Amino acid sequence: MMSQPLVLGIETSCDETAVGIVRGRTLLANVIASSVEEHARFGGVVPEIASRAHLEAMPSVINEALKVAGVSLNDLDAIGVTAGPGLIGALLVGTSAAHGLSLALDKPLYGVNHLSSHLAVDALDESRALTPAIGLLVSGGHSSIIQMSDMARSVQVLGETIDDAAGEAFDKIARILELDFPGGPAIDRLAREGNATAIEFPRGLANSEYNFSFSGLKTAVARYLKETPLAHKADVAASFQEAIVDVLLEKALRACRETGIEALIVAGGVAANSRLRMVAAERCRVAGVELRTPPVALCTDNGAMVAAMTSLAVSGGIAPSQVGFPTLSTVPLTQPTWL
């Protein structure tokens, strides 16, 4: 068991080619090459374009991360890579690179869960003890509430989306509003000019314990815009965003209250949303819950989160993954690492 492992993490689940390097719980480097501009004209991520971009960017991103961290490949104690969920072609680029490095350097290799890794970013704050927490994971394809006691070993999913995730809803409504891709940041910017109480949009599954549903909200916004063609788009964006933020935090804080856990981690791409971060800070303060949110730069897909999860696995004495472990487009949150 190693307390301060030097780990390189590779992330290629979607449109970011990312490499992070950590020593224990200290972030040394986080380098990202994004192909988002190549996908923008299509209104979404094109898997083939993403895979080709990963192939082209991988060597330079690895080299830049090593340079920033001031370490060499031979210094590494372990290598981690996202093995799922994600786009299969994109994932295979990352896992192939990681396998090559592992075999060439004779270093242990860990396949890790992309979703769990978003939450593992919290471990990179060394000023805080690793205590049990409720995780609110909000990303492009996932909205989940998780009870965590040991991030690298086991988590319990309390609730998740039954249709559209929050990030998907942001992208779809942004398209209807004729905003730029990706939709989340575009709606966040526009909403700052609007009135969040101008339109009362529905809160899906308000009476359900922890599960989410945003398809009804998406339909309500689309219907409102069709029936009100002269609607002030900033008000629509702000009211739509408020409905999502309200539901996410109401259920997450309910989980804190009912489990008795006094810490909430908000992670994933949507955790970069300025309104979510602002309202979360206020509601957690009122509820007496410690709010833990990654820096905005570590909310979207990055290599630091993969390295962080791998470091937790190494420090916790978890065995490395077997060579040739499967790459999966879907995988449950309850499987943080591959064996």
C-alpha atoms as a PDB file:
ATOM      1  CA  MET A   1       0.000   0.000   0.000  1.00  0.00           C
ATOM      2  CA  MET A   2       1.453   3.357  -1.094  1.00  0.00           C
ATOM      3  CA  SER A   3       0.359   6.614   0.554  1.00  0.00           C
ATOM      4  CA  GLN A   4       1.746   9.110  -1.995  1.00  0.00           C
ATOM      5  CA  PRO A   5       1.730   7.349  -5.396  1.00  0.00           C
ATOM      6  CA  LEU A   6       2.751   9.288  -8.496  1.00  0.00           C
ATOM      7  CA  VAL A   7      -0.012   8.585 -10.992  1.00  0.00           C
ATOM      8  CA  LEU A   8      -0.715   9.557 -14.591  1.00  0.00           C
ATOM      9  CA  GLY A   9      -4.373   9.492 -15.632  1.00  0.00           C
ATOM     10  CA  ILE A  10      -5.737   9.441 -19.194  1.00  0.00           C
ATOM     11  CA  GLU A  11      -9.270  10.563 -20.089  1.00  0.00           C
ATOM     12  CA  THR A  12     -10.763  10.123 -23.601  1.00  0.00           C
ATOM     13  CA  SER A  13     -14.428   9.293 -23.001  1.00  0.00           C
ATOM     14  CA  CYS A  14     -15.824  12.027 -25.257  1.00  0.00           C
ATOM     15  CA  ASP A  15     -14.285  15.075 -26.946  1.00  0.00           C
ATOM     16  CA  GLU A  16     -11.433  15.978 -24.573  1.00  0.00           C
ATOM     17  CA  THR A  17      -8.026  14.343 -24.775  1.00  0.00           C
ATOM     18  CA  ALA A  18      -6.863  14.876 -21.208  1.00  0.00           C
ATOM     19  CA  VAL A  19      -3.932  13.792 -19.071  1.00  0.00           C
ATOM     20  CA  GLY A  20      -3.506  14.535 -15.378  1.00  0.00           C
ATOM     21  CA  ILE A  21      -0.663  13.752 -12.999  1.00  0.00           C
ATOM     22  CA  VAL A  22      -1.049  13.635  -9.222  1.00  0.00           C
ATOM     23  CA  ARG A  23       1.187  12.681  -6.319  1.00  0.00           C
ATOM     24  CA  GLY A  24      -1.030  11.303  -3.589  1.00  0.00           C
ATOM     25  CA  ARG A  25      -3.685  14.013  -3.345  1.00  0.00           C
ATOM     26  CA  THR A  26      -1.595  16.788  -4.896  1.00  0.00           C
ATOM     27  CA  LEU A  27      -2.355  17.833  -8.474  1.00  0.00           C
ATOM     28  CA  LEU A  28       0.834  18.342 -10.469  1.00  0.00           C
ATOM     29  CA  ALA A  29      -0.492  18.712 -14.017  1.00  0.00           C
ATOM     30  CA  ASN A  30      -3.792  18.792 -15.889  1.00  0.00           C
ATOM     31  CA  VAL A  31      -3.502  19.175 -19.658  1.00  0.00           C
ATOM     32  CA  ILE A  32      -6.515  19.111 -22.006  1.00  0.00           C
ATOM     33  CA  ALA A  33      -6.856  19.222 -25.789  1.00  0.00           C
ATOM     34  CA  SER A  34     -10.517  19.669 -26.761  1.00  0.00           C
ATOM     35  CA  SER A  35     -12.084  18.960 -30.144  1.00  0.00           C
ATOM     36  CA  VAL A  36     -15.344  20.740 -29.243  1.00  0.00           C
ATOM     37  CA  GLU A  37     -14.959  23.312 -32.010  1.00  0.00           C
ATOM     38  CA  GLU A  38     -14.811  20.530 -34.592  1.00  0.00           C
ATOM     39  CA  HIS A  39     -18.177  19.218 -33.358  1.00  0.00           C
ATOM     40  CA  ALA A  40     -19.949  22.580 -32.965  1.00  0.00           C
ATOM     41  CA  ARG A  41     -21.161  22.799 -36.557  1.00  0.00           C
ATOM     42  CA  PHE A  42     -22.907  19.446 -36.119  1.00  0.00           C
ATOM     43  CA  GLY A  43     -24.669  20.518 -32.908  1.00  0.00           C
ATOM     44  CA  GLY A  44     -23.215  17.606 -30.949  1.00  0.00           C
ATOM     45  CA  VAL A  45     -20.245  15.291 -30.602  1.00  0.00           C
ATOM     46  CA  VAL A  46     -19.450  13.148 -33.669  1.00  0.00           C
ATOM     47  CA  PRO A  47     -17.774   9.915 -32.433  1.00  0.00           C
ATOM     48  CA  GLU A  48     -15.500   9.429 -35.454  1.00  0.00           C
ATOM     49  CA  ILE A  49     -14.203  13.003 -35.260  1.00  0.00           C
ATOM     50  CA  ALA A  50     -13.591  12.611 -31.514  1.00  0.00           C
ATOM     51  CA  SER A  51     -11.633   9.377 -31.973  1.00  0.00           C
ATOM     52  CA  ARG A  52      -9.389  10.865 -34.665  1.00  0.00           C
ATOM     53  CA  ALA A  53      -8.763  13.943 -32.545  1.00  0.00           C
ATOM     54  CA  HIS A  54      -7.686  11.736 -29.615  1.00  0.00           C
ATOM     55  CA  LEU A  55      -5.234   9.845 -31.822  1.00  0.00           C
ATOM     56  CA  GLU A  56      -3.659  13.067 -33.026  1.00  0.00           C
ATOM     57  CA  ALA A  57      -3.488  14.772 -29.633  1.00  0.00           C
ATOM     58  CA  MET A  58      -2.456  11.921 -27.319  1.00  0.00           C
ATOM     59  CA  PRO A  59       1.365  12.028 -27.638  1.00  0.00           C
ATOM     60  CA  SER A  60       1.642  15.799 -27.238  1.00  0.00           C
ATOM     61  CA  VAL A  61      -0.812  15.917 -24.313  1.00  0.00           C
ATOM     62  CA  ILE A  62       1.120  13.207 -22.429  1.00  0.00           C
ATOM     63  CA  ASN A  63       4.423  14.952 -23.067  1.00  0.00           C
ATOM     64  CA  GLU A  64       3.054  18.336 -21.985  1.00  0.00           C
ATOM     65  CA  ALA A  65       1.639  16.883 -18.753  1.00  0.00           C
ATOM     66  CA  LEU A  66       4.991  15.298 -17.897  1.00  0.00           C
ATOM     67  CA  LYS A  67       6.746  18.598 -18.618  1.00  0.00           C
ATOM     68  CA  VAL A  68       4.330  20.608 -16.446  1.00  0.00           C
ATOM     69  CA  ALA A  69       4.610  18.099 -13.580  1.00  0.00           C
ATOM     70  CA  GLY A  70       8.396  17.950 -13.860  1.00  0.00           C
ATOM     71  CA  VAL A  71       8.487  14.149 -13.895  1.00  0.00           C
ATOM     72  CA  SER A  72       9.374  11.389 -16.356  1.00  0.00           C
ATOM     73  CA  LEU A  73       7.479   8.281 -17.378  1.00  0.00           C
ATOM     74  CA  ASN A  74       9.920   6.157 -15.409  1.00  0.00           C
ATOM     75  CA  ASP A  75       9.065   8.093 -12.220  1.00  0.00           C
ATOM     76  CA  LEU A  76       5.436   6.935 -12.323  1.00  0.00           C
ATOM     77  CA  ASP A  77       4.075   4.438  -9.808  1.00  0.00           C
ATOM     78  CA  ALA A  78       0.873   3.686 -11.711  1.00  0.00           C
ATOM     79  CA  ILE A  79      -1.193   4.595 -14.763  1.00  0.00           C
ATOM     80  CA  GLY A  80      -4.943   5.108 -14.774  1.00  0.00           C
ATOM     81  CA  VAL A  81      -7.344   5.399 -17.685  1.00  0.00           C
ATOM     82  CA  THR A  82     -11.063   5.871 -18.209  1.00  0.00           C
ATOM     83  CA  ALA A  83     -12.445   2.483 -19.295  1.00  0.00           C
ATOM     84  CA  GLY A  84     -16.101   3.576 -19.405  1.00  0.00           C
ATOM     85  CA  PRO A  85     -18.664   4.841 -19.786  1.00  0.00           C
ATOM     86  CA  GLY A  86     -18.208   6.859 -22.957  1.00  0.00           C
ATOM     87  CA  LEU A  87     -17.880   6.635 -26.726  1.00  0.00           C
ATOM     88  CA  ILE A  88     -16.312   3.260 -27.498  1.00  0.00           C
ATOM     89  CA  GLY A  89     -13.978   4.505 -30.223  1.00  0.00           C
ATOM     90  CA  ALA A  90     -12.782   7.382 -28.077  1.00  0.00           C
ATOM     91  CA  LEU A  91     -12.294   5.153 -25.030  1.00  0.00           C
ATOM     92  CA  LEU A  92     -10.254   2.657 -27.039  1.00  0.00           C
ATOM     93  CA  VAL A  93      -7.741   5.346 -27.967  1.00  0.00           C
ATOM     94  CA  GLY A  94      -7.154   6.104 -24.291  1.00  0.00           C
ATOM     95  CA  THR A  95      -7.076   2.501 -23.088  1.00  0.00           C
ATOM     96  CA  SER A  96      -4.737   1.497 -25.928  1.00  0.00           C
ATOM     97  CA  ALA A  97      -2.325   4.290 -25.009  1.00  0.00           C
ATOM     98  CA  ALA A  98      -2.508   3.339 -21.324  1.00  0.00           C
ATOM     99  CA  HIS A  99      -1.912  -0.350 -22.031  1.00  0.00           C
ATOM    100  CA  GLY A 100       1.087   0.539 -24.179  1.00  0.00           C
ATOM    101  CA  LEU A 101       2.612   2.691 -21.466  1.00  0.00           C
ATOM    102  CA  SER A 102       1.904   0.111 -18.771  1.00  0.00           C
ATOM    103  CA  LEU A 103       3.503  -2.742 -20.695  1.00  0.00           C
ATOM    104  CA  ALA A 104       6.485  -0.711 -21.906  1.00  0.00           C
ATOM    105  CA  LEU A 105       7.247   0.744 -18.472  1.00  0.00           C
ATOM    106  CA  ASP A 106       6.177  -2.297 -16.427  1.00  0.00           C
ATOM    107  CA  LYS A 107       3.849  -0.127 -14.349  1.00  0.00           C
ATOM    108  CA  PRO A 108       0.514  -1.214 -12.825  1.00  0.00           C
ATOM    109  CA  LEU A 109      -2.550  -0.160 -14.821  1.00  0.00           C
ATOM    110  CA  TYR A 110      -5.977   0.789 -13.466  1.00  0.00           C
ATOM    111  CA  GLY A 111      -9.111   1.033 -15.555  1.00  0.00           C
ATOM    112  CA  VAL A 112     -11.460   3.447 -13.777  1.00  0.00           C
ATOM    113  CA  ASN A 113     -15.047   4.613 -14.003  1.00  0.00           C
ATOM    114  CA  HIS A 114     -15.459   7.995 -15.704  1.00  0.00           C
ATOM    115  CA  LEU A 115     -18.439   8.934 -13.541  1.00  0.00           C
ATOM    116  CA  SER A 116     -16.904   7.956 -10.212  1.00  0.00           C
ATOM    117  CA  SER A 117     -13.777   9.857 -11.229  1.00  0.00           C
ATOM    118  CA  HIS A 118     -15.745  13.103 -11.447  1.00  0.00           C
ATOM    119  CA  LEU A 119     -16.442  12.729  -7.725  1.00  0.00           C
ATOM    120  CA  ALA A 120     -12.860  11.686  -6.955  1.00  0.00           C
ATOM    121  CA  VAL A 121     -11.674  15.196  -7.893  1.00  0.00           C
ATOM    122  CA  ASP A 122     -12.779  16.139  -4.380  1.00  0.00           C
ATOM    123  CA  ALA A 123      -9.807  14.154  -3.032  1.00  0.00           C
ATOM    124  CA  LEU A 124      -7.401  16.657  -4.591  1.00  0.00           C
ATOM    125  CA  ASP A 125      -8.154  19.148  -1.808  1.00  0.00           C
ATOM    126  CA  GLU A 126      -5.515  18.094   0.717  1.00  0.00           C
ATOM    127  CA  SER A 127      -6.821  20.463   3.384  1.00  0.00           C
ATOM    128  CA  ARG A 128      -9.828  18.225   3.914  1.00  0.00           C
ATOM    129  CA  ALA A 129     -10.123  14.736   5.354  1.00  0.00           C
ATOM    130  CA  LEU A 130     -11.730  12.085   3.153  1.00  0.00           C
ATOM    131  CA  THR A 131     -15.039  11.768   5.002  1.00  0.00           C
ATOM    132  CA  PRO A 132     -18.357  10.183   3.949  1.00  0.00           C
ATOM    133  CA  ALA A 133     -20.374  12.418   1.626  1.00  0.00           C
ATOM    134  CA  ILE A 134     -23.414  12.583  -0.581  1.00  0.00           C
ATOM    135  CA  GLY A 135     -22.409  13.077  -4.205  1.00  0.00           C
ATOM    136  CA  LEU A 136     -24.539  14.998  -6.677  1.00  0.00           C
ATOM    137  CA  LEU A 137     -23.163  13.986 -10.068  1.00  0.00           C
ATOM    138  CA  VAL A 138     -24.490  16.162 -12.891  1.00  0.00           C
ATOM    139  CA  SER A 139     -22.939  15.700 -16.309  1.00  0.00           C
ATOM    140  CA  GLY A 140     -23.932  15.547 -19.955  1.00  0.00           C
ATOM    141  CA  GLY A 141     -25.531  12.127 -19.778  1.00  0.00           C
ATOM    142  CA  HIS A 142     -25.942  11.468 -16.068  1.00  0.00           C
ATOM    143  CA  SER A 143     -27.715  12.951 -13.061  1.00  0.00           C
ATOM    144  CA  SER A 144     -27.269  10.851  -9.939  1.00  0.00           C
ATOM    145  CA  ILE A 145     -27.270  11.049  -6.158  1.00  0.00           C
ATOM    146  CA  ILE A 146     -24.665   8.821  -4.558  1.00  0.00           C
ATOM    147  CA  GLN A 147     -23.826   7.907  -0.981  1.00  0.00           C
ATOM    148  CA  MET A 148     -20.059   7.516  -0.640  1.00  0.00           C
ATOM    149  CA  SER A 149     -17.920   6.181   2.157  1.00  0.00           C
ATOM    150  CA  ASP A 150     -14.961   4.950   0.097  1.00  0.00           C
ATOM    151  CA  MET A 151     -14.875   6.369  -3.429  1.00  0.00           C
ATOM    152  CA  ALA A 152     -12.442   3.809  -4.820  1.00  0.00           C
ATOM    153  CA  ARG A 153     -14.182   0.730  -3.434  1.00  0.00           C
ATOM    154  CA  SER A 154     -17.918   1.095  -3.234  1.00  0.00           C
ATOM    155  CA  VAL A 155     -20.656   3.644  -3.639  1.00  0.00           C
ATOM    156  CA  GLN A 156     -24.400   3.369  -3.227  1.00  0.00           C
ATOM    157  CA  VAL A 157     -26.620   4.965  -5.857  1.00  0.00           C
ATOM    158  CA  LEU A 158     -29.640   6.499  -4.139  1.00  0.00           C
ATOM    159  CA  GLY A 159     -31.236   7.958  -7.250  1.00  0.00           C
ATOM    160  CA  GLU A 160     -30.610   8.744 -10.908  1.00  0.00           C
ATOM    161  CA  THR A 161     -32.302  10.124 -13.966  1.00  0.00           C
ATOM    162  CA  ILE A 162     -34.980   7.988 -15.599  1.00  0.00           C
ATOM    163  CA  ASP A 163     -34.823   9.875 -18.914  1.00  0.00           C
ATOM    164  CA  ASP A 164     -32.940  13.023 -19.917  1.00  0.00           C
ATOM    165  CA  ALA A 165     -30.072  14.030 -17.659  1.00  0.00           C
ATOM    166  CA  ALA A 166     -29.614  17.675 -16.686  1.00  0.00           C
ATOM    167  CA  GLY A 167     -26.782  18.174 -19.178  1.00  0.00           C
ATOM    168  CA  GLU A 168     -28.834  16.682 -22.014  1.00  0.00           C
ATOM    169  CA  ALA A 169     -31.715  19.008 -21.151  1.00  0.00           C
ATOM    170  CA  PHE A 170     -29.386  22.012 -21.279  1.00  0.00           C
ATOM    171  CA  ASP A 171     -28.115  21.009 -24.732  1.00  0.00           C
ATOM    172  CA  LYS A 172     -31.583  20.358 -26.136  1.00  0.00           C
ATOM    173  CA  ILE A 173     -33.106  23.598 -24.862  1.00  0.00           C
ATOM    174  CA  ALA A 174     -30.077  25.555 -26.055  1.00  0.00           C
ATOM    175  CA  ARG A 175     -30.686  24.130 -29.532  1.00  0.00           C
ATOM    176  CA  ILE A 176     -34.336  25.220 -29.412  1.00  0.00           C
ATOM    177  CA  LEU A 177     -33.232  28.683 -28.271  1.00  0.00           C
ATOM    178  CA  GLU A 178     -30.740  28.719 -31.178  1.00  0.00           C
ATOM    179  CA  LEU A 179     -27.755  29.100 -28.862  1.00  0.00           C
ATOM    180  CA  ASP A 180     -24.196  27.886 -29.351  1.00  0.00           C
ATOM    181  CA  PHE A 181     -22.977  24.348 -28.645  1.00  0.00           C
ATOM    182  CA  PRO A 182     -22.292  23.172 -25.958  1.00  0.00           C
ATOM    183  CA  GLY A 183     -25.609  24.292 -24.539  1.00  0.00           C
ATOM    184  CA  GLY A 184     -24.839  24.417 -20.819  1.00  0.00           C
ATOM    185  CA  PRO A 185     -22.426  27.359 -20.859  1.00  0.00           C
ATOM    186  CA  ALA A 186     -24.568  29.160 -23.452  1.00  0.00           C
ATOM    187  CA  ILE A 187     -27.701  28.978 -21.296  1.00  0.00           C
ATOM    188  CA  ASP A 188     -25.703  29.934 -18.197  1.00  0.00           C
ATOM    189  CA  ARG A 189     -24.514  33.121 -19.936  1.00  0.00           C
ATOM    190  CA  LEU A 190     -27.931  34.047 -21.320  1.00  0.00           C
ATOM    191  CA  ALA A 191     -29.715  33.319 -18.020  1.00  0.00           C
ATOM    192  CA  ARG A 192     -27.710  36.040 -16.264  1.00  0.00           C
ATOM    193  CA  GLU A 193     -29.681  38.576 -18.300  1.00  0.00           C
ATOM    194  CA  GLY A 194     -33.070  37.056 -17.433  1.00  0.00           C
ATOM    195  CA  ASN A 195     -35.552  36.712 -14.572  1.00  0.00           C
ATOM    196  CA  ALA A 196     -35.453  33.248 -12.998  1.00  0.00           C
ATOM    197  CA  THR A 197     -39.010  33.653 -11.626  1.00  0.00           C
ATOM    198  CA  ALA A 198     -40.583  34.949 -14.849  1.00  0.00           C
ATOM    199  CA  ILE A 199     -41.943  31.534 -15.892  1.00  0.00           C
ATOM    200  CA  GLU A 200     -42.972  28.688 -13.604  1.00  0.00           C
ATOM    201  CA  PHE A 201     -41.683  25.587 -15.326  1.00  0.00           C
ATOM    202  CA  PRO A 202     -42.429  22.113 -13.841  1.00  0.00           C
ATOM    203  CA  ARG A 203     -40.164  20.351 -11.353  1.00  0.00           C
ATOM    204  CA  GLY A 204     -40.131  16.749 -12.565  1.00  0.00           C
ATOM    205  CA  LEU A 205     -40.642  13.915 -10.047  1.00  0.00           C
ATOM    206  CA  ALA A 206     -40.892  16.454  -7.227  1.00  0.00           C
ATOM    207  CA  ASN A 207     -42.556  13.872  -4.978  1.00  0.00           C
ATOM    208  CA  SER A 208     -40.209  11.001  -5.889  1.00  0.00           C
ATOM    209  CA  GLU A 209     -37.489  10.390  -3.358  1.00  0.00           C
ATOM    210  CA  TYR A 210     -34.205  10.716  -5.261  1.00  0.00           C
ATOM    211  CA  ASN A 211     -34.763   9.972  -8.969  1.00  0.00           C
ATOM    212  CA  PHE A 212     -34.741  12.697 -11.621  1.00  0.00           C
ATOM    213  CA  SER A 213     -36.741  13.358 -14.785  1.00  0.00           C
ATOM    214  CA  PHE A 214     -36.081  16.326 -17.048  1.00  0.00           C
ATOM    215  CA  SER A 215     -37.900  15.249 -20.222  1.00  0.00           C
ATOM    216  CA  GLY A 216     -41.144  16.866 -19.034  1.00  0.00           C
ATOM    217  CA  LEU A 217     -39.329  20.127 -18.330  1.00  0.00           C
ATOM    218  CA  LYS A 218     -37.767  20.044 -21.786  1.00  0.00           C
ATOM    219  CA  THR A 219     -41.215  19.514 -23.349  1.00  0.00           C
ATOM    220  CA  ALA A 220     -42.742  22.324 -21.260  1.00  0.00           C
ATOM    221  CA  VAL A 221     -40.071  24.785 -22.389  1.00  0.00           C
ATOM    222  CA  ALA A 222     -40.468  23.784 -26.042  1.00  0.00           C
ATOM    223  CA  ARG A 223     -44.260  24.161 -25.790  1.00  0.00           C
ATOM    224  CA  TYR A 224     -43.938  27.548 -24.095  1.00  0.00           C
ATOM    225  CA  LEU A 225     -41.668  28.847 -26.850  1.00  0.00           C
ATOM    226  CA  LYS A 226     -44.037  27.573 -29.535  1.00  0.00           C
ATOM    227  CA  GLU A 227     -47.029  29.218 -27.861  1.00  0.00           C
ATOM    228  CA  THR A 228     -45.124  32.412 -26.991  1.00  0.00           C
ATOM    229  CA  PRO A 229     -42.996  33.218 -30.072  1.00  0.00           C
ATOM    230  CA  LEU A 230     -42.109  36.675 -28.745  1.00  0.00           C
ATOM    231  CA  ALA A 231     -40.920  35.356 -25.378  1.00  0.00           C
ATOM    232  CA  HIS A 232     -37.851  36.986 -23.865  1.00  0.00           C
ATOM    233  CA  LYS A 233     -35.249  34.266 -24.378  1.00  0.00           C
ATOM    234  CA  ALA A 234     -33.185  35.324 -21.370  1.00  0.00           C
ATOM    235  CA  ASP A 235     -36.211  34.841 -19.096  1.00  0.00           C
ATOM    236  CA  VAL A 236     -36.855  31.415 -20.621  1.00  0.00           C
ATOM    237  CA  ALA A 237     -33.226  30.398 -20.095  1.00  0.00           C
ATOM    238  CA  ALA A 238     -33.164  31.680 -16.510  1.00  0.00           C
ATOM    239  CA  SER A 239     -36.474  30.054 -15.559  1.00  0.00           C
ATOM    240  CA  PHE A 240     -35.515  26.755 -17.187  1.00  0.00           C
ATOM    241  CA  GLN A 241     -32.135  26.755 -15.437  1.00  0.00           C
ATOM    242  CA  GLU A 242     -33.788  27.571 -12.102  1.00  0.00           C
ATOM    243  CA  ALA A 243     -36.107  24.574 -12.413  1.00  0.00           C
ATOM    244  CA  ILE A 244     -33.147  22.233 -12.911  1.00  0.00           C
ATOM    245  CA  VAL A 245     -31.097  23.761 -10.098  1.00  0.00           C
ATOM    246  CA  ASP A 246     -34.054  23.650  -7.714  1.00  0.00           C
ATOM    247  CA  VAL A 247     -34.746  19.947  -8.280  1.00  0.00           C
ATOM    248  CA  LEU A 248     -31.096  18.897  -8.152  1.00  0.00           C
ATOM    249  CA  LEU A 249     -30.403  20.609  -4.857  1.00  0.00           C
ATOM    250  CA  GLU A 250     -33.715  19.792  -3.189  1.00  0.00           C
ATOM    251  CA  LYS A 251     -33.112  16.077  -3.668  1.00  0.00           C
ATOM    252  CA  ALA A 252     -29.403  16.177  -2.870  1.00  0.00           C
ATOM    253  CA  LEU A 253     -29.979  18.005   0.397  1.00  0.00           C
ATOM    254  CA  ARG A 254     -32.851  15.672   1.238  1.00  0.00           C
ATOM    255  CA  ALA A 255     -30.370  12.810   0.883  1.00  0.00           C
ATOM    256  CA  CYS A 256     -27.982  14.576   3.273  1.00  0.00           C
ATOM    257  CA  ARG A 257     -30.775  15.091   5.780  1.00  0.00           C
ATOM    258  CA  GLU A 258     -32.172  11.569   5.615  1.00  0.00           C
ATOM    259  CA  THR A 259     -28.787   9.812   5.755  1.00  0.00           C
ATOM    260  CA  GLY A 260     -27.346  12.126   8.385  1.00  0.00           C
ATOM    261  CA  ILE A 261     -24.325  12.853   6.180  1.00  0.00           C
ATOM    262  CA  GLU A 262     -23.234  16.459   6.521  1.00  0.00           C
ATOM    263  CA  ALA A 263     -21.164  16.908   3.359  1.00  0.00           C
ATOM    264  CA  LEU A 264     -22.300  17.342  -0.256  1.00  0.00           C
ATOM    265  CA  ILE A 265     -19.997  16.992  -3.264  1.00  0.00           C
ATOM    266  CA  VAL A 266     -21.358  18.542  -6.472  1.00  0.00           C
ATOM    267  CA  ALA A 267     -19.362  17.308  -9.475  1.00  0.00           C
ATOM    268  CA  GLY A 268     -19.571  16.779 -13.230  1.00  0.00           C
ATOM    269  CA  GLY A 269     -19.787  19.183 -16.146  1.00  0.00           C
ATOM    270  CA  VAL A 270     -23.000  20.846 -14.985  1.00  0.00           C
ATOM    271  CA  ALA A 271     -21.306  21.597 -11.642  1.00  0.00           C
ATOM    272  CA  ALA A 272     -19.569  24.432 -13.519  1.00  0.00           C
ATOM    273  CA  ASN A 273     -22.944  26.189 -13.882  1.00  0.00           C
ATOM    274  CA  SER A 274     -22.736  29.495 -12.009  1.00  0.00           C
ATOM    275  CA  ARG A 275     -26.340  29.433 -10.777  1.00  0.00           C
ATOM    276  CA  LEU A 276     -26.032  25.875  -9.447  1.00  0.00           C
ATOM    277  CA  ARG A 277     -22.878  26.802  -7.545  1.00  0.00           C
ATOM    278  CA  MET A 278     -24.444  29.977  -6.114  1.00  0.00           C
ATOM    279  CA  VAL A 279     -27.688  28.357  -4.973  1.00  0.00           C
ATOM    280  CA  ALA A 280     -25.846  25.296  -3.636  1.00  0.00           C
ATOM    281  CA  ALA A 281     -23.660  27.529  -1.467  1.00  0.00           C
ATOM    282  CA  GLU A 282     -26.664  29.324  -0.008  1.00  0.00           C
ATOM    283  CA  ARG A 283     -28.839  26.253   0.597  1.00  0.00           C
ATOM    284  CA  CYS A 284     -25.981  24.261   2.121  1.00  0.00           C
ATOM    285  CA  ARG A 285     -25.199  27.161   4.441  1.00  0.00           C
ATOM    286  CA  VAL A 286     -28.810  27.254   5.625  1.00  0.00           C
ATOM    287  CA  ALA A 287     -28.933  23.454   6.005  1.00  0.00           C
ATOM    288  CA  GLY A 288     -25.634  23.271   7.877  1.00  0.00           C
ATOM    289  CA  VAL A 289     -24.122  21.038   5.180  1.00  0.00           C
ATOM    290  CA  GLU A 290     -20.507  21.321   4.045  1.00  0.00           C
ATOM    291  CA  LEU A 291     -20.476  22.015   0.297  1.00  0.00           C
ATOM    292  CA  ARG A 292     -17.556  20.616  -1.690  1.00  0.00           C
ATOM    293  CA  THR A 293     -17.333  21.656  -5.351  1.00  0.00           C
ATOM    294  CA  PRO A 294     -14.285  21.226  -7.590  1.00  0.00           C
ATOM    295  CA  PRO A 295     -12.751  24.267  -9.262  1.00  0.00           C
ATOM    296  CA  VAL A 296     -14.633  25.020 -12.485  1.00  0.00           C
ATOM    297  CA  ALA A 297     -11.668  23.789 -14.563  1.00  0.00           C
ATOM    298  CA  LEU A 298     -12.003  20.343 -12.937  1.00  0.00           C
ATOM    299  CA  CYS A 299     -15.768  19.987 -13.421  1.00  0.00           C
ATOM    300  CA  THR A 300     -15.690  19.101 -17.101  1.00  0.00           C
ATOM    301  CA  ASP A 301     -13.861  15.993 -18.349  1.00  0.00           C
ATOM    302  CA  ASN A 302     -10.180  16.045 -17.394  1.00  0.00           C
ATOM    303  CA  GLY A 303      -7.240  13.766 -16.674  1.00  0.00           C
ATOM    304  CA  ALA A 304      -6.811  14.970 -13.100  1.00  0.00           C
ATOM    305  CA  MET A 305     -10.000  13.195 -12.035  1.00  0.00           C
ATOM    306  CA  VAL A 306      -8.772   9.889 -13.516  1.00  0.00           C
ATOM    307  CA  ALA A 307      -5.417  10.274 -11.798  1.00  0.00           C
ATOM    308  CA  ALA A 308      -7.192  11.140  -8.535  1.00  0.00           C
ATOM    309  CA  MET A 309      -9.357   8.003  -8.649  1.00  0.00           C
ATOM    310  CA  THR A 310      -6.333   5.879  -9.521  1.00  0.00           C
ATOM    311  CA  SER A 311      -4.339   7.388  -6.666  1.00  0.00           C
ATOM    312  CA  LEU A 312      -7.147   6.527  -4.242  1.00  0.00           C
ATOM    313  CA  ALA A 313      -7.173   2.955  -5.558  1.00  0.00           C
ATOM    314  CA  VAL A 314      -3.388   2.581  -5.202  1.00  0.00           C
ATOM    315  CA  SER A 315      -3.362   4.163  -1.733  1.00  0.00           C
ATOM    316  CA  GLY A 316      -6.234   1.921  -0.683  1.00  0.00           C
ATOM    317  CA  GLY A 317      -4.436  -1.255  -1.658  1.00  0.00           C
ATOM    318  CA  ILE A 318      -6.762  -2.112  -4.548  1.00  0.00           C
ATOM    319  CA  ALA A 319      -5.219  -4.547  -7.027  1.00  0.00           C
ATOM    320  CA  PRO A 320      -4.416  -3.274 -10.533  1.00  0.00           C
ATOM    321  CA  SER A 321      -6.654  -4.156 -13.460  1.00  0.00           C
ATOM    322  CA  GLN A 322      -5.830  -7.173 -15.598  1.00  0.00           C
ATOM    323  CA  VAL A 323      -4.261  -6.482 -18.990  1.00  0.00           C
ATOM    324  CA  GLY A 324      -6.952  -6.461 -21.664  1.00  0.00           C
ATOM    325  CA  PHE A 325      -9.758  -5.303 -19.371  1.00  0.00           C
ATOM    326  CA  PRO A 326     -12.978  -4.452 -21.264  1.00  0.00           C
ATOM    327  CA  THR A 327     -13.833  -0.985 -22.488  1.00  0.00           C
ATOM    328  CA  LEU A 328     -17.542  -0.328 -21.957  1.00  0.00           C
ATOM    329  CA  SER A 329     -19.923   2.325 -23.283  1.00  0.00           C
ATOM    330  CA  THR A 330     -22.122   1.938 -20.210  1.00  0.00           C
ATOM    331  CA  VAL A 331     -21.121   0.898 -16.707  1.00  0.00           C
ATOM    332  CA  PRO A 332     -22.745   1.394 -13.288  1.00  0.00           C
ATOM    333  CA  LEU A 333     -21.415   3.919 -10.802  1.00  0.00           C
ATOM    334  CA  THR A 334     -21.091   1.068  -8.335  1.00  0.00           C
ATOM    335  CA  GLN A 335     -17.999  -0.173 -10.225  1.00  0.00           C
ATOM    336  CA  PRO A 336     -15.340   2.498  -9.525  1.00  0.00           C
ATOM    337  CA  THR A 337     -12.399   0.427 -10.852  1.00  0.00           C
ATOM    338  CA  TRP A 338     -11.898  -2.545 -13.205  1.00  0.00           C
ATOM    339  CA  LEU A 339     -10.275  -5.786 -12.009  1.00  0.00           C
END
